[in-house]
Amino acid sequence: MDAATALALIGAGIAAGALNTLAGGGSLIFVPALMLSGMDGTVANASSRVAIFMQCVAGAAAFARGGHLPTAAARSIVPPVLVGAAAGAYVATQISNRIYTPLLLGTLALMALALIINPRRFAPPSDATPRAVRGAPAILGLVAAGFYGGVLQAGAGFVFLAILAAGLRYDLVRANALKALVMLIYVALTAGVFIAYGMVRWAPALVLGAGAIVGAIAAARLAMTPRGAALTKGVVVIAVLALLVVMITRL
């Protein structure tokens, strides 16, 4: 890996780590950046899990230090997510790159459009009380979200933010904090699956992850201030531009 590629991956990691921490959709940057470094779609998707794990550790730790991480709530959320994520990661290892790359790019395009939505629209009323995970629909929804994250990951953070804020009624700061913790656990599982299948390229993934740590820490601090939404919008622009570059180069 030359110096220019390493610097590009660090910059992409900073932007993606910030976007994932503030809302979701960091894979709009993670995966295209790895593809531009020479990987195919399946390997880029697998390798991105290492960077995402590093980002989630940093983000969750920053939220915890700020006193905004509701760790007890994760006990009922994580188990169904892990079931779905394990199944999704296995499915991802069985899909050929010929099918996977168009699927991945199409999903990234849809997530880029979805990110136009202001995350604050998910915010519950200021006096809302968080809900517990109860009933089959809630559990199946978490399993489905985990499965999606296991297969593609692109935009999974945005899906979990919607579940935690709009569905379970956590305020956006605590929803983002809880999302980081939940993703940390299930991404560790999916990364293990991809590592077992020999699909991770460690050097680019770790360089990307180093940048993601910086972005996640900065974004977590900003998420606890009114400036968080403005930063999210700026990073979305970078994400969409990165996606367009990948789509053009793959035509």
C-alpha atoms as a PDB file:
ATOM      1  CA  MET A   1       0.000   0.000   0.000  1.00  0.00           C
ATOM      2  CA  ASP A   2       1.501   3.357  -1.030  1.00  0.00           C
ATOM      3  CA  ALA A   3       1.362   6.515   1.086  1.00  0.00           C
ATOM      4  CA  ALA A   4      -1.327   8.168  -1.041  1.00  0.00           C
ATOM      5  CA  THR A   5      -3.660   5.182  -0.658  1.00  0.00           C
ATOM      6  CA  ALA A   6      -3.035   5.064   3.096  1.00  0.00           C
ATOM      7  CA  LEU A   7      -3.823   8.766   3.486  1.00  0.00           C
ATOM      8  CA  ALA A   8      -6.972   8.396   1.383  1.00  0.00           C
ATOM      9  CA  LEU A   9      -8.128   5.489   3.547  1.00  0.00           C
ATOM     10  CA  ILE A  10      -7.470   7.443   6.748  1.00  0.00           C
ATOM     11  CA  GLY A  11      -9.483  10.393   5.410  1.00  0.00           C
ATOM     12  CA  ALA A  12     -12.306   8.105   4.318  1.00  0.00           C
ATOM     13  CA  GLY A  13     -12.242   6.446   7.733  1.00  0.00           C
ATOM     14  CA  ILE A  14     -12.568   9.771   9.545  1.00  0.00           C
ATOM     15  CA  ALA A  15     -15.585  10.747   7.433  1.00  0.00           C
ATOM     16  CA  ALA A  16     -17.227   7.318   7.666  1.00  0.00           C
ATOM     17  CA  GLY A  17     -16.616   7.003  11.400  1.00  0.00           C
ATOM     18  CA  ALA A  18     -18.244  10.381  11.960  1.00  0.00           C
ATOM     19  CA  LEU A  19     -21.237   9.567   9.755  1.00  0.00           C
ATOM     20  CA  ASN A  20     -21.809   6.170  11.381  1.00  0.00           C
ATOM     21  CA  THR A  21     -21.583   7.663  14.857  1.00  0.00           C
ATOM     22  CA  LEU A  22     -23.974  10.523  14.151  1.00  0.00           C
ATOM     23  CA  ALA A  23     -26.560   8.646  12.107  1.00  0.00           C
ATOM     24  CA  GLY A  24     -25.575   5.704   9.902  1.00  0.00           C
ATOM     25  CA  GLY A  25     -24.511   4.936   6.361  1.00  0.00           C
ATOM     26  CA  GLY A  26     -20.767   5.028   6.956  1.00  0.00           C
ATOM     27  CA  SER A  27     -20.416   2.066   4.609  1.00  0.00           C
ATOM     28  CA  LEU A  28     -21.268   4.527   1.840  1.00  0.00           C
ATOM     29  CA  ILE A  29     -17.647   5.551   2.397  1.00  0.00           C
ATOM     30  CA  PHE A  30     -16.036   2.472   3.975  1.00  0.00           C
ATOM     31  CA  VAL A  31     -16.856   0.036   1.182  1.00  0.00           C
ATOM     32  CA  PRO A  32     -16.202   2.300  -1.835  1.00  0.00           C
ATOM     33  CA  ALA A  33     -12.877   3.385  -0.305  1.00  0.00           C
ATOM     34  CA  LEU A  34     -11.768  -0.231   0.005  1.00  0.00           C
ATOM     35  CA  MET A  35     -12.999  -1.016  -3.504  1.00  0.00           C
ATOM     36  CA  LEU A  36     -10.994   1.892  -4.871  1.00  0.00           C
ATOM     37  CA  SER A  37      -7.923   0.426  -3.159  1.00  0.00           C
ATOM     38  CA  GLY A  38      -8.294  -2.638  -5.382  1.00  0.00           C
ATOM     39  CA  MET A  39     -10.728  -5.012  -3.638  1.00  0.00           C
ATOM     40  CA  ASP A  40     -13.830  -6.560  -5.137  1.00  0.00           C
ATOM     41  CA  GLY A  41     -17.204  -5.939  -3.503  1.00  0.00           C
ATOM     42  CA  THR A  42     -17.371  -9.067  -1.339  1.00  0.00           C
ATOM     43  CA  VAL A  43     -13.878  -8.603   0.105  1.00  0.00           C
ATOM     44  CA  ALA A  44     -14.421  -4.863   0.648  1.00  0.00           C
ATOM     45  CA  ASN A  45     -17.663  -5.568   2.489  1.00  0.00           C
ATOM     46  CA  ALA A  46     -15.946  -8.171   4.679  1.00  0.00           C
ATOM     47  CA  SER A  47     -12.865  -6.039   5.366  1.00  0.00           C
ATOM     48  CA  SER A  48     -14.975  -3.005   6.258  1.00  0.00           C
ATOM     49  CA  ARG A  49     -16.262  -4.853   9.341  1.00  0.00           C
ATOM     50  CA  VAL A  50     -12.855  -4.498  10.994  1.00  0.00           C
ATOM     51  CA  ALA A  51     -12.934  -0.721  10.560  1.00  0.00           C
ATOM     52  CA  ILE A  52     -16.563  -0.544  11.701  1.00  0.00           C
ATOM     53  CA  PHE A  53     -15.727  -2.536  14.838  1.00  0.00           C
ATOM     54  CA  MET A  54     -12.886  -0.150  15.658  1.00  0.00           C
ATOM     55  CA  GLN A  55     -15.178   2.834  15.108  1.00  0.00           C
ATOM     56  CA  CYS A  56     -17.915   1.358  17.326  1.00  0.00           C
ATOM     57  CA  VAL A  57     -15.480   0.714  20.181  1.00  0.00           C
ATOM     58  CA  ALA A  58     -14.296   4.325  20.048  1.00  0.00           C
ATOM     59  CA  GLY A  59     -17.802   5.759  19.699  1.00  0.00           C
ATOM     60  CA  ALA A  60     -19.369   3.674  22.458  1.00  0.00           C
ATOM     61  CA  ALA A  61     -16.499   4.527  24.808  1.00  0.00           C
ATOM     62  CA  ALA A  62     -16.879   8.245  24.100  1.00  0.00           C
ATOM     63  CA  PHE A  63     -20.636   8.140  24.770  1.00  0.00           C
ATOM     64  CA  ALA A  64     -20.038   6.127  27.960  1.00  0.00           C
ATOM     65  CA  ARG A  65     -17.557   8.704  29.239  1.00  0.00           C
ATOM     66  CA  GLY A  66     -20.185  11.364  28.599  1.00  0.00           C
ATOM     67  CA  GLY A  67     -22.755   9.414  30.629  1.00  0.00           C
ATOM     68  CA  HIS A  68     -25.120   8.797  27.702  1.00  0.00           C
ATOM     69  CA  LEU A  69     -24.797   5.027  27.146  1.00  0.00           C
ATOM     70  CA  PRO A  70     -27.808   2.986  28.419  1.00  0.00           C
ATOM     71  CA  THR A  71     -25.955  -0.336  28.661  1.00  0.00           C
ATOM     72  CA  ALA A  72     -28.776  -2.172  30.448  1.00  0.00           C
ATOM     73  CA  ALA A  73     -31.082  -1.693  27.460  1.00  0.00           C
ATOM     74  CA  ALA A  74     -28.690  -3.655  25.242  1.00  0.00           C
ATOM     75  CA  ARG A  75     -29.457  -6.890  27.108  1.00  0.00           C
ATOM     76  CA  SER A  76     -32.820  -7.293  25.404  1.00  0.00           C
ATOM     77  CA  ILE A  77     -31.760  -5.798  22.056  1.00  0.00           C
ATOM     78  CA  VAL A  78     -28.510  -7.637  21.310  1.00  0.00           C
ATOM     79  CA  PRO A  79     -29.633 -11.331  21.348  1.00  0.00           C
ATOM     80  CA  PRO A  80     -32.136 -11.145  18.440  1.00  0.00           C
ATOM     81  CA  VAL A  81     -29.747  -8.908  16.510  1.00  0.00           C
ATOM     82  CA  LEU A  82     -26.961 -11.488  16.895  1.00  0.00           C
ATOM     83  CA  VAL A  83     -29.193 -14.267  15.548  1.00  0.00           C
ATOM     84  CA  GLY A  84     -29.973 -12.271  12.426  1.00  0.00           C
ATOM     85  CA  ALA A  85     -26.405 -11.027  11.992  1.00  0.00           C
ATOM     86  CA  ALA A  86     -24.883 -14.515  12.153  1.00  0.00           C
ATOM     87  CA  ALA A  87     -27.273 -15.781   9.506  1.00  0.00           C
ATOM     88  CA  GLY A  88     -26.709 -12.715   7.328  1.00  0.00           C
ATOM     89  CA  ALA A  89     -22.929 -12.942   7.495  1.00  0.00           C
ATOM     90  CA  TYR A  90     -23.035 -16.597   6.449  1.00  0.00           C
ATOM     91  CA  VAL A  91     -25.290 -15.750   3.498  1.00  0.00           C
ATOM     92  CA  ALA A  92     -22.838 -13.011   2.471  1.00  0.00           C
ATOM     93  CA  THR A  93     -19.992 -15.545   2.304  1.00  0.00           C
ATOM     94  CA  GLN A  94     -21.991 -17.666  -0.147  1.00  0.00           C
ATOM     95  CA  ILE A  95     -22.847 -14.938  -2.686  1.00  0.00           C
ATOM     96  CA  SER A  96     -20.588 -14.658  -5.739  1.00  0.00           C
ATOM     97  CA  ASN A  97     -18.938 -11.324  -6.439  1.00  0.00           C
ATOM     98  CA  ARG A  98     -20.711 -11.175  -9.810  1.00  0.00           C
ATOM     99  CA  ILE A  99     -24.032 -10.947  -7.978  1.00  0.00           C
ATOM    100  CA  TYR A 100     -22.796  -9.209  -4.860  1.00  0.00           C
ATOM    101  CA  THR A 101     -21.200  -6.111  -6.411  1.00  0.00           C
ATOM    102  CA  PRO A 102     -24.349  -4.882  -8.257  1.00  0.00           C
ATOM    103  CA  LEU A 103     -26.412  -5.682  -5.147  1.00  0.00           C
ATOM    104  CA  LEU A 104     -24.011  -3.754  -2.950  1.00  0.00           C
ATOM    105  CA  LEU A 105     -23.810  -0.716  -5.227  1.00  0.00           C
ATOM    106  CA  GLY A 106     -27.582  -0.621  -5.653  1.00  0.00           C
ATOM    107  CA  THR A 107     -28.059  -0.755  -1.885  1.00  0.00           C
ATOM    108  CA  LEU A 108     -25.480   1.979  -1.372  1.00  0.00           C
ATOM    109  CA  ALA A 109     -27.376   4.161  -3.842  1.00  0.00           C
ATOM    110  CA  LEU A 110     -30.652   3.641  -1.978  1.00  0.00           C
ATOM    111  CA  MET A 111     -28.978   4.393   1.345  1.00  0.00           C
ATOM    112  CA  ALA A 112     -27.471   7.572  -0.081  1.00  0.00           C
ATOM    113  CA  LEU A 113     -30.992   8.733  -0.914  1.00  0.00           C
ATOM    114  CA  ALA A 114     -32.263   7.634   2.507  1.00  0.00           C
ATOM    115  CA  LEU A 115     -29.620   9.709   4.245  1.00  0.00           C
ATOM    116  CA  ILE A 116     -31.172  12.862   2.800  1.00  0.00           C
ATOM    117  CA  ILE A 117     -33.722  12.405   5.590  1.00  0.00           C
ATOM    118  CA  ASN A 118     -32.742  14.423   8.623  1.00  0.00           C
ATOM    119  CA  PRO A 119     -32.052  11.983  11.498  1.00  0.00           C
ATOM    120  CA  ARG A 120     -33.877  14.359  13.840  1.00  0.00           C
ATOM    121  CA  ARG A 121     -37.143  13.244  12.252  1.00  0.00           C
ATOM    122  CA  PHE A 122     -36.672  10.008  14.161  1.00  0.00           C
ATOM    123  CA  ALA A 123     -36.500  11.821  17.485  1.00  0.00           C
ATOM    124  CA  PRO A 124     -39.327  10.999  19.911  1.00  0.00           C
ATOM    125  CA  PRO A 125     -41.044  13.742  21.949  1.00  0.00           C
ATOM    126  CA  SER A 126     -38.803  15.269  24.603  1.00  0.00           C
ATOM    127  CA  ASP A 127     -40.922  13.743  27.378  1.00  0.00           C
ATOM    128  CA  ALA A 128     -41.021  10.244  25.846  1.00  0.00           C
ATOM    129  CA  THR A 129     -40.190   7.226  28.008  1.00  0.00           C
ATOM    130  CA  PRO A 130     -38.053   4.516  26.341  1.00  0.00           C
ATOM    131  CA  ARG A 131     -39.875   1.282  25.568  1.00  0.00           C
ATOM    132  CA  ALA A 132     -38.715  -2.247  26.342  1.00  0.00           C
ATOM    133  CA  VAL A 133     -38.388  -4.857  23.602  1.00  0.00           C
ATOM    134  CA  ARG A 134     -41.607  -6.844  23.845  1.00  0.00           C
ATOM    135  CA  GLY A 135     -43.598  -9.058  21.520  1.00  0.00           C
ATOM    136  CA  ALA A 136     -42.877 -10.950  18.323  1.00  0.00           C
ATOM    137  CA  PRO A 137     -42.951  -7.923  15.974  1.00  0.00           C
ATOM    138  CA  ALA A 138     -40.223  -6.118  17.940  1.00  0.00           C
ATOM    139  CA  ILE A 139     -38.046  -9.215  18.168  1.00  0.00           C
ATOM    140  CA  LEU A 140     -38.502 -10.092  14.485  1.00  0.00           C
ATOM    141  CA  GLY A 141     -37.683  -6.503  13.548  1.00  0.00           C
ATOM    142  CA  LEU A 142     -34.379  -6.728  15.418  1.00  0.00           C
ATOM    143  CA  VAL A 143     -33.596 -10.108  13.839  1.00  0.00           C
ATOM    144  CA  ALA A 144     -34.287  -8.626  10.395  1.00  0.00           C
ATOM    145  CA  ALA A 145     -32.093  -5.597  11.106  1.00  0.00           C
ATOM    146  CA  GLY A 146     -29.294  -7.897  12.247  1.00  0.00           C
ATOM    147  CA  PHE A 147     -29.664 -10.057   9.115  1.00  0.00           C
ATOM    148  CA  TYR A 148     -29.450  -6.996   6.897  1.00  0.00           C
ATOM    149  CA  GLY A 149     -26.353  -5.804   8.746  1.00  0.00           C
ATOM    150  CA  GLY A 150     -24.795  -9.245   8.440  1.00  0.00           C
ATOM    151  CA  VAL A 151     -25.283  -9.377   4.677  1.00  0.00           C
ATOM    152  CA  LEU A 152     -24.570  -5.813   3.586  1.00  0.00           C
ATOM    153  CA  GLN A 153     -23.986  -3.498   6.584  1.00  0.00           C
ATOM    154  CA  ALA A 154     -24.444  -0.466   4.280  1.00  0.00           C
ATOM    155  CA  GLY A 155     -26.879   1.803   6.114  1.00  0.00           C
ATOM    156  CA  ALA A 156     -27.427  -0.636   8.988  1.00  0.00           C
ATOM    157  CA  GLY A 157     -26.618   2.091  11.486  1.00  0.00           C
ATOM    158  CA  PHE A 158     -29.374   4.217   9.986  1.00  0.00           C
ATOM    159  CA  VAL A 159     -31.801   1.282  10.355  1.00  0.00           C
ATOM    160  CA  PHE A 160     -30.845   0.798  14.003  1.00  0.00           C
ATOM    161  CA  LEU A 161     -31.151   4.509  14.690  1.00  0.00           C
ATOM    162  CA  ALA A 162     -34.717   4.408  13.379  1.00  0.00           C
ATOM    163  CA  ILE A 163     -35.528   1.386  15.571  1.00  0.00           C
ATOM    164  CA  LEU A 164     -33.968   2.819  18.710  1.00  0.00           C
ATOM    165  CA  ALA A 165     -35.208   6.404  18.370  1.00  0.00           C
ATOM    166  CA  ALA A 166     -38.525   6.138  16.528  1.00  0.00           C
ATOM    167  CA  GLY A 167     -39.430   2.630  17.704  1.00  0.00           C
ATOM    168  CA  LEU A 168     -38.039   2.343  21.230  1.00  0.00           C
ATOM    169  CA  ARG A 169     -38.213   6.117  21.843  1.00  0.00           C
ATOM    170  CA  TYR A 170     -34.669   6.884  22.999  1.00  0.00           C
ATOM    171  CA  ASP A 171     -33.536  10.460  22.444  1.00  0.00           C
ATOM    172  CA  LEU A 172     -31.067  10.844  19.578  1.00  0.00           C
ATOM    173  CA  VAL A 173     -27.969  11.060  21.758  1.00  0.00           C
ATOM    174  CA  ARG A 174     -28.766   7.904  23.719  1.00  0.00           C
ATOM    175  CA  ALA A 175     -30.058   6.176  20.559  1.00  0.00           C
ATOM    176  CA  ASN A 176     -26.742   6.855  18.816  1.00  0.00           C
ATOM    177  CA  ALA A 177     -24.843   5.666  21.898  1.00  0.00           C
ATOM    178  CA  LEU A 178     -26.884   2.471  22.156  1.00  0.00           C
ATOM    179  CA  LYS A 179     -26.564   1.910  18.410  1.00  0.00           C
ATOM    180  CA  ALA A 180     -22.764   2.051  18.746  1.00  0.00           C
ATOM    181  CA  LEU A 181     -22.827  -0.563  21.508  1.00  0.00           C
ATOM    182  CA  VAL A 182     -25.235  -2.899  19.685  1.00  0.00           C
ATOM    183  CA  MET A 183     -23.258  -2.629  16.447  1.00  0.00           C
ATOM    184  CA  LEU A 184     -19.976  -3.190  18.289  1.00  0.00           C
ATOM    185  CA  ILE A 185     -21.230  -6.564  19.514  1.00  0.00           C
ATOM    186  CA  TYR A 186     -22.848  -7.831  16.332  1.00  0.00           C
ATOM    187  CA  VAL A 187     -20.127  -6.497  14.014  1.00  0.00           C
ATOM    188  CA  ALA A 188     -17.579  -8.420  16.095  1.00  0.00           C
ATOM    189  CA  LEU A 189     -19.591 -11.566  15.343  1.00  0.00           C
ATOM    190  CA  THR A 190     -19.916 -10.875  11.607  1.00  0.00           C
ATOM    191  CA  ALA A 191     -16.240  -9.925  11.346  1.00  0.00           C
ATOM    192  CA  GLY A 192     -15.386 -13.275  12.925  1.00  0.00           C
ATOM    193  CA  VAL A 193     -17.391 -15.073  10.247  1.00  0.00           C
ATOM    194  CA  PHE A 194     -15.613 -13.231   7.434  1.00  0.00           C
ATOM    195  CA  ILE A 195     -12.211 -13.772   9.058  1.00  0.00           C
ATOM    196  CA  ALA A 196     -12.923 -17.489   9.313  1.00  0.00           C
ATOM    197  CA  TYR A 197     -13.639 -17.561   5.570  1.00  0.00           C
ATOM    198  CA  GLY A 198     -10.394 -15.680   4.815  1.00  0.00           C
ATOM    199  CA  MET A 199     -12.171 -12.675   3.307  1.00  0.00           C
ATOM    200  CA  VAL A 200     -10.535  -9.848   5.297  1.00  0.00           C
ATOM    201  CA  ARG A 201      -7.612  -7.796   3.934  1.00  0.00           C
ATOM    202  CA  TRP A 202      -6.033  -6.621   7.159  1.00  0.00           C
ATOM    203  CA  ALA A 203      -3.680  -3.783   6.209  1.00  0.00           C
ATOM    204  CA  PRO A 204      -6.233  -1.562   4.386  1.00  0.00           C
ATOM    205  CA  ALA A 205      -8.914  -2.430   6.958  1.00  0.00           C
ATOM    206  CA  LEU A 206      -6.737  -1.385   9.898  1.00  0.00           C
ATOM    207  CA  VAL A 207      -5.636   1.851   8.214  1.00  0.00           C
ATOM    208  CA  LEU A 208      -9.278   2.658   7.458  1.00  0.00           C
ATOM    209  CA  GLY A 209     -10.163   1.780  11.040  1.00  0.00           C
ATOM    210  CA  ALA A 210      -7.523   4.131  12.423  1.00  0.00           C
ATOM    211  CA  GLY A 211      -9.245   7.008  10.656  1.00  0.00           C
ATOM    212  CA  ALA A 212     -12.652   5.738  11.784  1.00  0.00           C
ATOM    213  CA  ILE A 213     -11.573   5.919  15.435  1.00  0.00           C
ATOM    214  CA  VAL A 214     -10.708   9.603  15.041  1.00  0.00           C
ATOM    215  CA  GLY A 215     -14.006  10.338  13.294  1.00  0.00           C
ATOM    216  CA  ALA A 216     -16.057   8.387  15.831  1.00  0.00           C
ATOM    217  CA  ILE A 217     -14.552  10.114  18.868  1.00  0.00           C
ATOM    218  CA  ALA A 218     -14.984  13.575  17.353  1.00  0.00           C
ATOM    219  CA  ALA A 219     -18.542  12.835  16.232  1.00  0.00           C
ATOM    220  CA  ALA A 220     -19.580  11.350  19.574  1.00  0.00           C
ATOM    221  CA  ARG A 221     -18.452  14.528  21.303  1.00  0.00           C
ATOM    222  CA  LEU A 222     -20.275  16.681  18.781  1.00  0.00           C
ATOM    223  CA  ALA A 223     -23.389  14.495  18.968  1.00  0.00           C
ATOM    224  CA  MET A 224     -23.805  15.697  22.540  1.00  0.00           C
ATOM    225  CA  THR A 225     -24.005  19.300  21.256  1.00  0.00           C
ATOM    226  CA  PRO A 226     -26.369  21.126  18.868  1.00  0.00           C
ATOM    227  CA  ARG A 227     -23.730  20.951  16.111  1.00  0.00           C
ATOM    228  CA  GLY A 228     -24.231  17.236  15.500  1.00  0.00           C
ATOM    229  CA  ALA A 229     -26.910  17.589  12.824  1.00  0.00           C
ATOM    230  CA  ALA A 230     -24.843  20.077  10.808  1.00  0.00           C
ATOM    231  CA  LEU A 231     -21.853  17.740  10.793  1.00  0.00           C
ATOM    232  CA  THR A 232     -24.056  14.868   9.655  1.00  0.00           C
ATOM    233  CA  LYS A 233     -25.239  16.825   6.623  1.00  0.00           C
ATOM    234  CA  GLY A 234     -21.675  17.693   5.637  1.00  0.00           C
ATOM    235  CA  VAL A 235     -20.489  14.106   5.855  1.00  0.00           C
ATOM    236  CA  VAL A 236     -23.486  12.908   3.819  1.00  0.00           C
ATOM    237  CA  VAL A 237     -22.269  15.063   0.918  1.00  0.00           C
ATOM    238  CA  ILE A 238     -18.859  13.357   1.093  1.00  0.00           C
ATOM    239  CA  ALA A 239     -20.533   9.939   1.248  1.00  0.00           C
ATOM    240  CA  VAL A 240     -22.639  10.555  -1.849  1.00  0.00           C
ATOM    241  CA  LEU A 241     -19.623  11.839  -3.812  1.00  0.00           C
ATOM    242  CA  ALA A 242     -17.638   8.730  -2.852  1.00  0.00           C
ATOM    243  CA  LEU A 243     -20.494   6.522  -3.992  1.00  0.00           C
ATOM    244  CA  LEU A 244     -20.703   8.300  -7.351  1.00  0.00           C
ATOM    245  CA  VAL A 245     -16.970   7.802  -7.926  1.00  0.00           C
ATOM    246  CA  VAL A 246     -17.265   4.073  -7.307  1.00  0.00           C
ATOM    247  CA  MET A 247     -20.334   3.679  -9.503  1.00  0.00           C
ATOM    248  CA  ILE A 248     -18.682   5.572 -12.384  1.00  0.00           C
ATOM    249  CA  THR A 249     -15.442   3.577 -12.166  1.00  0.00           C
ATOM    250  CA  ARG A 250     -17.372   0.290 -12.104  1.00  0.00           C
ATOM    251  CA  LEU A 251     -19.402   1.024 -15.253  1.00  0.00           C
END
